Amino acid sequence: MSSPAPSISQALTDTINAIVTIIDQIAQTISANASAIATVLIVGGLALGVYALYRRIAPAVTGFFRGLFG
């Protein structure tokens, strides 16, 4: 006794339900960790800003000290 094959509409419904479940779980995980994600984004942005400022100012500072002690 074999079970009947699922219909195309049932397969599509199951696939869509699985996709919706996955998206829901991702959204729940993001909302549960929103504070940590925001902290990482803010600290990363600050670190990037400091790095960009350093790259812009570093040649002038090293040139100043090179002229002062050179």
C-alpha atoms as a PDB file:
ATOM      1  CA  MET A   1       0.000   0.000   0.000  1.00  0.00           C
ATOM      2  CA  SER A   2       1.563   3.185  -1.122  1.00  0.00           C
ATOM      3  CA  SER A   3       0.342   6.613  -0.196  1.00  0.00           C
ATOM      4  CA  PRO A   4      -0.857   8.880  -2.993  1.00  0.00           C
ATOM      5  CA  ALA A   5       1.580  11.455  -4.338  1.00  0.00           C
ATOM      6  CA  PRO A   6       1.003  15.001  -3.082  1.00  0.00           C
ATOM      7  CA  SER A   7      -0.587  17.415  -5.503  1.00  0.00           C
ATOM      8  CA  ILE A   8       1.264  20.407  -6.915  1.00  0.00           C
ATOM      9  CA  SER A   9      -0.918  22.824  -4.980  1.00  0.00           C
ATOM     10  CA  GLN A  10      -0.151  21.010  -1.713  1.00  0.00           C
ATOM     11  CA  ALA A  11       3.584  21.051  -2.496  1.00  0.00           C
ATOM     12  CA  LEU A  12       3.467  24.790  -3.254  1.00  0.00           C
ATOM     13  CA  THR A  13       1.465  25.483  -0.098  1.00  0.00           C
ATOM     14  CA  ASP A  14       3.946  23.531   2.017  1.00  0.00           C
ATOM     15  CA  THR A  15       6.879  25.339   0.372  1.00  0.00           C
ATOM     16  CA  ILE A  16       5.338  28.773   0.964  1.00  0.00           C
ATOM     17  CA  ASN A  17       4.521  27.863   4.577  1.00  0.00           C
ATOM     18  CA  ALA A  18       8.121  26.757   5.125  1.00  0.00           C
ATOM     19  CA  ILE A  19       9.464  30.010   3.650  1.00  0.00           C
ATOM     20  CA  VAL A  20       7.105  32.074   5.832  1.00  0.00           C
ATOM     21  CA  THR A  21       8.190  30.116   8.907  1.00  0.00           C
ATOM     22  CA  ILE A  22      11.864  30.715   8.120  1.00  0.00           C
ATOM     23  CA  ILE A  23      11.297  34.459   7.601  1.00  0.00           C
ATOM     24  CA  ASP A  24       9.314  34.618  10.859  1.00  0.00           C
ATOM     25  CA  GLN A  25      12.110  32.899  12.783  1.00  0.00           C
ATOM     26  CA  ILE A  26      14.707  35.276  11.308  1.00  0.00           C
ATOM     27  CA  ALA A  27      12.561  38.273  12.279  1.00  0.00           C
ATOM     28  CA  GLN A  28      12.116  36.947  15.825  1.00  0.00           C
ATOM     29  CA  THR A  29      15.867  36.389  16.181  1.00  0.00           C
ATOM     30  CA  ILE A  30      16.641  39.903  14.949  1.00  0.00           C
ATOM     31  CA  SER A  31      14.063  41.467  17.268  1.00  0.00           C
ATOM     32  CA  ALA A  32      15.349  39.458  20.235  1.00  0.00           C
ATOM     33  CA  ASN A  33      18.910  40.654  19.563  1.00  0.00           C
ATOM     34  CA  ALA A  34      18.121  44.186  18.376  1.00  0.00           C
ATOM     35  CA  SER A  35      20.043  45.813  21.222  1.00  0.00           C
ATOM     36  CA  ALA A  36      23.207  43.843  20.523  1.00  0.00           C
ATOM     37  CA  ILE A  37      22.921  44.426  16.782  1.00  0.00           C
ATOM     38  CA  ALA A  38      22.482  48.179  17.312  1.00  0.00           C
ATOM     39  CA  THR A  39      25.481  48.268  19.652  1.00  0.00           C
ATOM     40  CA  VAL A  40      27.673  46.486  17.116  1.00  0.00           C
ATOM     41  CA  LEU A  41      26.572  48.855  14.349  1.00  0.00           C
ATOM     42  CA  ILE A  42      27.207  51.962  16.468  1.00  0.00           C
ATOM     43  CA  VAL A  43      30.612  50.813  17.734  1.00  0.00           C
ATOM     44  CA  GLY A  44      31.596  49.714  14.229  1.00  0.00           C
ATOM     45  CA  GLY A  45      30.577  53.090  12.833  1.00  0.00           C
ATOM     46  CA  LEU A  46      32.573  54.910  15.486  1.00  0.00           C
ATOM     47  CA  ALA A  47      35.612  52.720  14.823  1.00  0.00           C
ATOM     48  CA  LEU A  48      35.322  53.390  11.101  1.00  0.00           C
ATOM     49  CA  GLY A  49      35.067  57.133  11.764  1.00  0.00           C
ATOM     50  CA  VAL A  50      38.143  57.129  13.980  1.00  0.00           C
ATOM     51  CA  TYR A  51      40.063  55.133  11.381  1.00  0.00           C
ATOM     52  CA  ALA A  52      39.077  57.546   8.603  1.00  0.00           C
ATOM     53  CA  LEU A  53      40.089  60.515  10.756  1.00  0.00           C
ATOM     54  CA  TYR A  54      43.408  58.844  11.595  1.00  0.00           C
ATOM     55  CA  ARG A  55      44.165  58.176   7.926  1.00  0.00           C
ATOM     56  CA  ARG A  56      43.535  61.819   7.140  1.00  0.00           C
ATOM     57  CA  ILE A  57      45.510  63.339  10.039  1.00  0.00           C
ATOM     58  CA  ALA A  58      48.348  60.803  10.457  1.00  0.00           C
ATOM     59  CA  PRO A  59      50.579  62.104   7.614  1.00  0.00           C
ATOM     60  CA  ALA A  60      50.423  65.649   8.986  1.00  0.00           C
ATOM     61  CA  VAL A  61      51.237  64.520  12.526  1.00  0.00           C
ATOM     62  CA  THR A  62      54.130  62.310  11.439  1.00  0.00           C
ATOM     63  CA  GLY A  63      55.436  65.110   9.203  1.00  0.00           C
ATOM     64  CA  PHE A  64      55.280  67.514  12.144  1.00  0.00           C
ATOM     65  CA  PHE A  65      57.284  65.191  14.399  1.00  0.00           C
ATOM     66  CA  ARG A  66      59.702  64.373  11.578  1.00  0.00           C
ATOM     67  CA  GLY A  67      60.363  68.091  11.150  1.00  0.00           C
ATOM     68  CA  LEU A  68      60.579  68.636  14.898  1.00  0.00           C
ATOM     69  CA  PHE A  69      63.092  65.880  15.612  1.00  0.00           C
ATOM     70  CA  GLY A  70      64.643  65.426  12.166  1.00  0.00           C
END
